[in-house]
Each structure stands twice: as C-alpha cells, then as structure tokens.
Amino acid sequence: MGAFTPEPAGYTIALDYDADNNLIYLGKAAKGTSKSSAGWSIANLVYDVNSNLIDIQWAGGNPRFDNIWDDRVSLTYS
C-alpha cells in the first residue's frame, strides 16, 4: 500500500467534518477548480459513535467529477 498523499498531483482535496451527522465530506477536483463550480467528486465518509468508518456514499451515486463543492450538504448521496 502506498503512502497517503493529501493532494495528489493535479488535484485539490477538500474536507469538511459534520459533527451533527458524524460524517466527513471528502471532495477531489482538478487543481484550479472553484468550489462554486461543477467539477468535484464528492463522497460522504460515515462513521459510527466509536469513530469506525461504516459507509462511503457518493454524491449523485457515483464518483464523477460533476458536483459543486459548495453544494455538498444539499446533494443526494448513495
């Protein structure tokens, strides 16, 4: 297994922790993509009360780079 690279070459990574719902929003986009523009692949990392990762859900149900980071809370995940 390779080392963790916080920002892979050519990409920007964004993280946002939602304590109320015990999840992390994780976004990845080509460098230079505005957070208010389509071009983000966004996932929810869902944790249980013991901080165990229990699910990963994608905005729009897929990892395509067609979402807007600023809309992450209102997107549909599956």
PDB file of N, CA and C in Angstrom:
ATOM      1  N   MET A   1       0.849  -1.176   0.000  1.00  0.00           N
ATOM      2  CA  MET A   1       0.000   0.000   0.000  1.00  0.00           C
ATOM      3  C   MET A   1       0.892   1.235   0.000  1.00  0.00           C
ATOM      4  N   GLY A   2       0.553   2.214  -0.826  1.00  0.00           N
ATOM      5  CA  GLY A   2       1.350   3.425  -0.933  1.00  0.00           C
ATOM      6  C   GLY A   2       1.090   4.400   0.198  1.00  0.00           C
ATOM      7  N   ALA A   3       1.935   5.393   0.294  1.00  0.00           N
ATOM      8  CA  ALA A   3       1.789   6.425   1.312  1.00  0.00           C
ATOM      9  C   ALA A   3       0.625   7.341   0.964  1.00  0.00           C
ATOM     10  N   PHE A   4      -0.018   7.882   1.976  1.00  0.00           N
ATOM     11  CA  PHE A   4      -1.117   8.822   1.778  1.00  0.00           C
ATOM     12  C   PHE A   4      -0.571  10.130   1.242  1.00  0.00           C
ATOM     13  N   THR A   5      -1.154  10.606   0.167  1.00  0.00           N
ATOM     14  CA  THR A   5      -0.790  11.894  -0.412  1.00  0.00           C
ATOM     15  C   THR A   5      -1.986  12.815  -0.256  1.00  0.00           C
ATOM     16  N   PRO A   6      -1.898  13.840   0.597  1.00  0.00           N
ATOM     17  CA  PRO A   6      -3.058  14.695   0.847  1.00  0.00           C
ATOM     18  C   PRO A   6      -3.611  15.368  -0.397  1.00  0.00           C
ATOM     19  N   GLU A   7      -2.762  15.799  -1.289  1.00  0.00           N
ATOM     20  CA  GLU A   7      -3.224  16.412  -2.523  1.00  0.00           C
ATOM     21  C   GLU A   7      -2.473  15.776  -3.690  1.00  0.00           C
ATOM     22  N   PRO A   8      -3.081  14.756  -4.313  1.00  0.00           N
ATOM     23  CA  PRO A   8      -2.418  14.104  -5.444  1.00  0.00           C
ATOM     24  C   PRO A   8      -2.088  15.118  -6.526  1.00  0.00           C
ATOM     25  N   ALA A   9      -1.018  14.853  -7.242  1.00  0.00           N
ATOM     26  CA  ALA A   9      -0.585  15.768  -8.305  1.00  0.00           C
ATOM     27  C   ALA A   9      -1.747  16.076  -9.242  1.00  0.00           C
ATOM     28  N   GLY A  10      -1.973  17.343  -9.474  1.00  0.00           N
ATOM     29  CA  GLY A  10      -3.028  17.761 -10.383  1.00  0.00           C
ATOM     30  C   GLY A  10      -4.401  17.898  -9.754  1.00  0.00           C
ATOM     31  N   TYR A  11      -4.533  17.583  -8.473  1.00  0.00           N
ATOM     32  CA  TYR A  11      -5.832  17.630  -7.808  1.00  0.00           C
ATOM     33  C   TYR A  11      -5.801  18.481  -6.543  1.00  0.00           C
ATOM     34  N   THR A  12      -6.967  18.989  -6.196  1.00  0.00           N
ATOM     35  CA  THR A  12      -7.185  19.670  -4.927  1.00  0.00           C
ATOM     36  C   THR A  12      -8.121  18.793  -4.107  1.00  0.00           C
ATOM     37  N   ILE A  13      -7.832  18.666  -2.821  1.00  0.00           N
ATOM     38  CA  ILE A  13      -8.655  17.891  -1.903  1.00  0.00           C
ATOM     39  C   ILE A  13      -9.323  18.856  -0.930  1.00  0.00           C
ATOM     40  N   ALA A  14     -10.610  18.627  -0.642  1.00  0.00           N
ATOM     41  CA  ALA A  14     -11.336  19.432   0.344  1.00  0.00           C
ATOM     42  C   ALA A  14     -11.988  18.482   1.344  1.00  0.00           C
ATOM     43  N   LEU A  15     -11.951  18.858   2.610  1.00  0.00           N
ATOM     44  CA  LEU A  15     -12.560  18.079   3.691  1.00  0.00           C
ATOM     45  C   LEU A  15     -13.448  18.978   4.525  1.00  0.00           C
ATOM     46  N   ASP A  16     -14.555  18.416   4.997  1.00  0.00           N
ATOM     47  CA  ASP A  16     -15.454  19.143   5.885  1.00  0.00           C
ATOM     48  C   ASP A  16     -16.080  18.139   6.846  1.00  0.00           C
ATOM     49  N   TYR A  17     -15.931  18.359   8.146  1.00  0.00           N
ATOM     50  CA  TYR A  17     -16.492  17.458   9.149  1.00  0.00           C
ATOM     51  C   TYR A  17     -17.841  17.978   9.619  1.00  0.00           C
ATOM     52  N   ASP A  18     -18.854  17.108   9.581  1.00  0.00           N
ATOM     53  CA  ASP A  18     -20.202  17.428  10.044  1.00  0.00           C
ATOM     54  C   ASP A  18     -20.429  16.661  11.342  1.00  0.00           C
ATOM     55  N   ALA A  19     -20.181  17.301  12.472  1.00  0.00           N
ATOM     56  CA  ALA A  19     -20.290  16.652  13.777  1.00  0.00           C
ATOM     57  C   ALA A  19     -21.718  16.233  14.107  1.00  0.00           C
ATOM     58  N   ASP A  20     -22.705  16.984  13.626  1.00  0.00           N
ATOM     59  CA  ASP A  20     -24.105  16.659  13.912  1.00  0.00           C
ATOM     60  C   ASP A  20     -24.512  15.318  13.309  1.00  0.00           C
ATOM     61  N   ASN A  21     -23.946  14.976  12.157  1.00  0.00           N
ATOM     62  CA  ASN A  21     -24.304  13.737  11.464  1.00  0.00           C
ATOM     63  C   ASN A  21     -23.187  12.704  11.461  1.00  0.00           C
ATOM     64  N   ASN A  22     -22.088  13.004  12.148  1.00  0.00           N
ATOM     65  CA  ASN A  22     -20.949  12.101  12.294  1.00  0.00           C
ATOM     66  C   ASN A  22     -20.436  11.610  10.935  1.00  0.00           C
ATOM     67  N   LEU A  23     -20.173  12.572  10.049  1.00  0.00           N
ATOM     68  CA  LEU A  23     -19.638  12.224   8.741  1.00  0.00           C
ATOM     69  C   LEU A  23     -18.639  13.267   8.273  1.00  0.00           C
ATOM     70  N   ILE A  24     -17.854  12.859   7.302  1.00  0.00           N
ATOM     71  CA  ILE A  24     -16.878  13.746   6.682  1.00  0.00           C
ATOM     72  C   ILE A  24     -17.210  13.840   5.205  1.00  0.00           C
ATOM     73  N   TYR A  25     -17.256  15.055   4.688  1.00  0.00           N
ATOM     74  CA  TYR A  25     -17.368  15.263   3.253  1.00  0.00           C
ATOM     75  C   TYR A  25     -15.938  15.295   2.712  1.00  0.00           C
ATOM     76  N   LEU A  26     -15.689  14.522   1.683  1.00  0.00           N
ATOM     77  CA  LEU A  26     -14.380  14.469   1.046  1.00  0.00           C
ATOM     78  C   LEU A  26     -14.565  14.791  -0.425  1.00  0.00           C
ATOM     79  N   GLY A  27     -13.887  15.835  -0.893  1.00  0.00           N
ATOM     80  CA  GLY A  27     -14.002  16.243  -2.285  1.00  0.00           C
ATOM     81  C   GLY A  27     -12.657  16.249  -2.977  1.00  0.00           C
ATOM     82  N   LYS A  28     -12.685  15.987  -4.262  1.00  0.00           N
ATOM     83  CA  LYS A  28     -11.470  15.987  -5.076  1.00  0.00           C
ATOM     84  C   LYS A  28     -11.822  16.625  -6.417  1.00  0.00           C
ATOM     85  N   ALA A  29     -10.957  17.518  -6.880  1.00  0.00           N
ATOM     86  CA  ALA A  29     -11.173  18.195  -8.166  1.00  0.00           C
ATOM     87  C   ALA A  29      -9.825  18.541  -8.784  1.00  0.00           C
ATOM     88  N   ALA A  30      -9.831  18.794 -10.068  1.00  0.00           N
ATOM     89  CA  ALA A  30      -8.619  19.246 -10.740  1.00  0.00           C
ATOM     90  C   ALA A  30      -8.173  20.571 -10.122  1.00  0.00           C
ATOM     91  N   LYS A  31      -6.873  20.728  -9.960  1.00  0.00           N
ATOM     92  CA  LYS A  31      -6.357  21.983  -9.406  1.00  0.00           C
ATOM     93  C   LYS A  31      -6.914  23.159 -10.196  1.00  0.00           C
ATOM     94  N   GLY A  32      -7.303  24.188  -9.477  1.00  0.00           N
ATOM     95  CA  GLY A  32      -7.844  25.382 -10.110  1.00  0.00           C
ATOM     96  C   GLY A  32      -9.362  25.387 -10.213  1.00  0.00           C
ATOM     97  N   THR A  33     -10.018  24.246  -9.911  1.00  0.00           N
ATOM     98  CA  THR A  33     -11.480  24.205  -9.958  1.00  0.00           C
ATOM     99  C   THR A  33     -12.045  24.978  -8.776  1.00  0.00           C
ATOM    100  N   SER A  34     -12.894  25.937  -9.037  1.00  0.00           N
ATOM    101  CA  SER A  34     -13.524  26.716  -7.981  1.00  0.00           C
ATOM    102  C   SER A  34     -14.468  25.827  -7.171  1.00  0.00           C
ATOM    103  N   LYS A  35     -14.584  26.100  -5.881  1.00  0.00           N
ATOM    104  CA  LYS A  35     -15.517  25.343  -5.040  1.00  0.00           C
ATOM    105  C   LYS A  35     -16.973  25.638  -5.397  1.00  0.00           C
ATOM    106  N   SER A  36     -17.204  26.675  -6.176  1.00  0.00           N
ATOM    107  CA  SER A  36     -18.559  27.013  -6.600  1.00  0.00           C
ATOM    108  C   SER A  36     -18.848  26.557  -8.032  1.00  0.00           C
ATOM    109  N   SER A  37     -17.937  25.768  -8.612  1.00  0.00           N
ATOM    110  CA  SER A  37     -18.100  25.275  -9.979  1.00  0.00           C
ATOM    111  C   SER A  37     -18.237  23.757  -9.995  1.00  0.00           C
ATOM    112  N   ALA A  38     -18.965  23.252 -10.998  1.00  0.00           N
ATOM    113  CA  ALA A  38     -19.033  21.802 -11.192  1.00  0.00           C
ATOM    114  C   ALA A  38     -17.630  21.307 -11.547  1.00  0.00           C
ATOM    115  N   GLY A  39     -17.319  20.102 -11.125  1.00  0.00           N
ATOM    116  CA  GLY A  39     -16.003  19.536 -11.399  1.00  0.00           C
ATOM    117  C   GLY A  39     -15.458  18.772 -10.198  1.00  0.00           C
ATOM    118  N   TRP A  40     -16.287  18.606  -9.177  1.00  0.00           N
ATOM    119  CA  TRP A  40     -15.872  17.933  -7.946  1.00  0.00           C
ATOM    120  C   TRP A  40     -16.458  16.531  -7.859  1.00  0.00           C
ATOM    121  N   SER A  41     -15.653  15.598  -7.397  1.00  0.00           N
ATOM    122  CA  SER A  41     -16.100  14.272  -6.998  1.00  0.00           C
ATOM    123  C   SER A  41     -16.210  14.331  -5.477  1.00  0.00           C
ATOM    124  N   ILE A  42     -17.404  14.069  -4.938  1.00  0.00           N
ATOM    125  CA  ILE A  42     -17.640  14.276  -3.503  1.00  0.00           C
ATOM    126  C   ILE A  42     -18.197  12.998  -2.878  1.00  0.00           C
ATOM    127  N   ALA A  43     -17.628  12.629  -1.742  1.00  0.00           N
ATOM    128  CA  ALA A  43     -18.098  11.454  -1.007  1.00  0.00           C
ATOM    129  C   ALA A  43     -18.396  11.835   0.434  1.00  0.00           C
ATOM    130  N   ASN A  44     -19.312  11.074   1.023  1.00  0.00           N
ATOM    131  CA  ASN A  44     -19.562  11.133   2.463  1.00  0.00           C
ATOM    132  C   ASN A  44     -18.872   9.939   3.090  1.00  0.00           C
ATOM    133  N   LEU A  45     -18.058  10.174   4.086  1.00  0.00           N
ATOM    134  CA  LEU A  45     -17.459   9.099   4.871  1.00  0.00           C
ATOM    135  C   LEU A  45     -18.253   9.065   6.171  1.00  0.00           C
ATOM    136  N   VAL A  46     -19.014   8.011   6.387  1.00  0.00           N
ATOM    137  CA  VAL A  46     -19.939   7.923   7.510  1.00  0.00           C
ATOM    138  C   VAL A  46     -19.321   7.071   8.610  1.00  0.00           C
ATOM    139  N   TYR A  47     -19.328   7.591   9.837  1.00  0.00           N
ATOM    140  CA  TYR A  47     -18.726   6.925  10.989  1.00  0.00           C
ATOM    141  C   TYR A  47     -19.787   6.615  12.036  1.00  0.00           C
ATOM    142  N   ASP A  48     -19.528   5.561  12.819  1.00  0.00           N
ATOM    143  CA  ASP A  48     -20.418   5.279  13.948  1.00  0.00           C
ATOM    144  C   ASP A  48     -19.919   6.048  15.171  1.00  0.00           C
ATOM    145  N   VAL A  49     -20.595   5.886  16.302  1.00  0.00           N
ATOM    146  CA  VAL A  49     -20.250   6.647  17.510  1.00  0.00           C
ATOM    147  C   VAL A  49     -18.874   6.289  18.054  1.00  0.00           C
ATOM    148  N   ASN A  50     -18.299   5.165  17.616  1.00  0.00           N
ATOM    149  CA  ASN A  50     -16.960   4.755  18.043  1.00  0.00           C
ATOM    150  C   ASN A  50     -15.886   5.150  17.038  1.00  0.00           C
ATOM    151  N   SER A  51     -16.240   6.005  16.087  1.00  0.00           N
ATOM    152  CA  SER A  51     -15.332   6.502  15.049  1.00  0.00           C
ATOM    153  C   SER A  51     -14.884   5.426  14.070  1.00  0.00           C
ATOM    154  N   ASN A  52     -15.700   4.385  13.900  1.00  0.00           N
ATOM    155  CA  ASN A  52     -15.425   3.359  12.893  1.00  0.00           C
ATOM    156  C   ASN A  52     -16.097   3.761  11.585  1.00  0.00           C
ATOM    157  N   LEU A  53     -15.343   3.710  10.499  1.00  0.00           N
ATOM    158  CA  LEU A  53     -15.908   4.006   9.184  1.00  0.00           C
ATOM    159  C   LEU A  53     -16.910   2.910   8.843  1.00  0.00           C
ATOM    160  N   ILE A  54     -18.164   3.302   8.576  1.00  0.00           N
ATOM    161  CA  ILE A  54     -19.189   2.297   8.301  1.00  0.00           C
ATOM    162  C   ILE A  54     -19.757   2.383   6.889  1.00  0.00           C
ATOM    163  N   ASP A  55     -19.532   3.493   6.188  1.00  0.00           N
ATOM    164  CA  ASP A  55     -20.063   3.600   4.836  1.00  0.00           C
ATOM    165  C   ASP A  55     -19.377   4.743   4.096  1.00  0.00           C
ATOM    166  N   ILE A  56     -19.279   4.583   2.788  1.00  0.00           N
ATOM    167  CA  ILE A  56     -18.828   5.646   1.884  1.00  0.00           C
ATOM    168  C   ILE A  56     -19.922   5.803   0.839  1.00  0.00           C
ATOM    169  N   GLN A  57     -20.455   6.999   0.731  1.00  0.00           N
ATOM    170  CA  GLN A  57     -21.523   7.281  -0.226  1.00  0.00           C
ATOM    171  C   GLN A  57     -21.077   8.412  -1.137  1.00  0.00           C
ATOM    172  N   TRP A  58     -21.442   8.310  -2.411  1.00  0.00           N
ATOM    173  CA  TRP A  58     -21.044   9.301  -3.406  1.00  0.00           C
ATOM    174  C   TRP A  58     -22.184  10.245  -3.746  1.00  0.00           C
ATOM    175  N   ALA A  59     -21.859  11.507  -3.942  1.00  0.00           N
ATOM    176  CA  ALA A  59     -22.839  12.482  -4.426  1.00  0.00           C
ATOM    177  C   ALA A  59     -23.319  12.018  -5.796  1.00  0.00           C
ATOM    178  N   GLY A  60     -24.620  11.978  -5.975  1.00  0.00           N
ATOM    179  CA  GLY A  60     -25.189  11.514  -7.232  1.00  0.00           C
ATOM    180  C   GLY A  60     -25.055  10.015  -7.443  1.00  0.00           C
ATOM    181  N   GLY A  61     -24.571   9.300  -6.420  1.00  0.00           N
ATOM    182  CA  GLY A  61     -24.433   7.853  -6.508  1.00  0.00           C
ATOM    183  C   GLY A  61     -23.224   7.367  -7.282  1.00  0.00           C
ATOM    184  N   ASN A  62     -22.303   8.298  -7.627  1.00  0.00           N
ATOM    185  CA  ASN A  62     -21.122   7.903  -8.404  1.00  0.00           C
ATOM    186  C   ASN A  62     -19.965   8.865  -8.132  1.00  0.00           C
ATOM    187  N   PRO A  63     -18.742   8.455  -8.476  1.00  0.00           N
ATOM    188  CA  PRO A  63     -17.577   9.309  -8.213  1.00  0.00           C
ATOM    189  C   PRO A  63     -17.231  10.282  -9.344  1.00  0.00           C
ATOM    190  N   ARG A  64     -18.186  10.588 -10.202  1.00  0.00           N
ATOM    191  CA  ARG A  64     -17.911  11.510 -11.316  1.00  0.00           C
ATOM    192  C   ARG A  64     -17.552  12.909 -10.814  1.00  0.00           C
ATOM    193  N   PHE A  65     -16.780  13.602 -11.609  1.00  0.00           N
ATOM    194  CA  PHE A  65     -16.365  14.975 -11.297  1.00  0.00           C
ATOM    195  C   PHE A  65     -17.379  15.959 -11.866  1.00  0.00           C
ATOM    196  N   ASP A  66     -18.617  15.906 -11.344  1.00  0.00           N
ATOM    197  CA  ASP A  66     -19.680  16.752 -11.892  1.00  0.00           C
ATOM    198  C   ASP A  66     -20.488  17.471 -10.809  1.00  0.00           C
ATOM    199  N   ASN A  67     -19.926  17.563  -9.610  1.00  0.00           N
ATOM    200  CA  ASN A  67     -20.630  18.208  -8.496  1.00  0.00           C
ATOM    201  C   ASN A  67     -19.968  19.519  -8.110  1.00  0.00           C
ATOM    202  N   ILE A  68     -20.678  20.299  -7.320  1.00  0.00           N
ATOM    203  CA  ILE A  68     -20.184  21.583  -6.816  1.00  0.00           C
ATOM    204  C   ILE A  68     -19.900  21.432  -5.328  1.00  0.00           C
ATOM    205  N   TRP A  69     -18.670  21.683  -4.924  1.00  0.00           N
ATOM    206  CA  TRP A  69     -18.281  21.516  -3.528  1.00  0.00           C
ATOM    207  C   TRP A  69     -19.160  22.346  -2.594  1.00  0.00           C
ATOM    208  N   ASP A  70     -19.452  23.562  -2.952  1.00  0.00           N
ATOM    209  CA  ASP A  70     -20.259  24.435  -2.095  1.00  0.00           C
ATOM    210  C   ASP A  70     -21.674  23.889  -1.863  1.00  0.00           C
ATOM    211  N   ASP A  71     -22.132  22.969  -2.710  1.00  0.00           N
ATOM    212  CA  ASP A  71     -23.466  22.367  -2.578  1.00  0.00           C
ATOM    213  C   ASP A  71     -23.438  21.025  -1.841  1.00  0.00           C
ATOM    214  N   ARG A  72     -22.300  20.629  -1.283  1.00  0.00           N
ATOM    215  CA  ARG A  72     -22.115  19.286  -0.726  1.00  0.00           C
ATOM    216  C   ARG A  72     -23.184  18.886   0.286  1.00  0.00           C
ATOM    217  N   VAL A  73     -23.665  19.796   1.105  1.00  0.00           N
ATOM    218  CA  VAL A  73     -24.642  19.453   2.137  1.00  0.00           C
ATOM    219  C   VAL A  73     -25.997  19.130   1.528  1.00  0.00           C
ATOM    220  N   SER A  74     -26.368  19.777   0.450  1.00  0.00           N
ATOM    221  CA  SER A  74     -27.697  19.570  -0.138  1.00  0.00           C
ATOM    222  C   SER A  74     -27.733  18.489  -1.213  1.00  0.00           C
ATOM    223  N   LEU A  75     -26.595  17.913  -1.564  1.00  0.00           N
ATOM    224  CA  LEU A  75     -26.561  16.865  -2.591  1.00  0.00           C
ATOM    225  C   LEU A  75     -27.136  15.552  -2.046  1.00  0.00           C
ATOM    226  N   THR A  76     -27.531  14.675  -2.966  1.00  0.00           N
ATOM    227  CA  THR A  76     -28.046  13.348  -2.609  1.00  0.00           C
ATOM    228  C   THR A  76     -26.910  12.346  -2.726  1.00  0.00           C
ATOM    229  N   TYR A  77     -26.725  11.530  -1.685  1.00  0.00           N
ATOM    230  CA  TYR A  77     -25.630  10.564  -1.621  1.00  0.00           C
ATOM    231  C   TYR A  77     -26.182   9.139  -1.575  1.00  0.00           C
ATOM    232  N   SER A  78     -25.490   8.254  -2.277  1.00  0.00           N
ATOM    233  CA  SER A  78     -25.830   6.829  -2.189  1.00  0.00           C
ATOM    234  C   SER A  78     -24.629   5.997  -2.579  1.00  0.00           C
TER     235      SER A  78
END
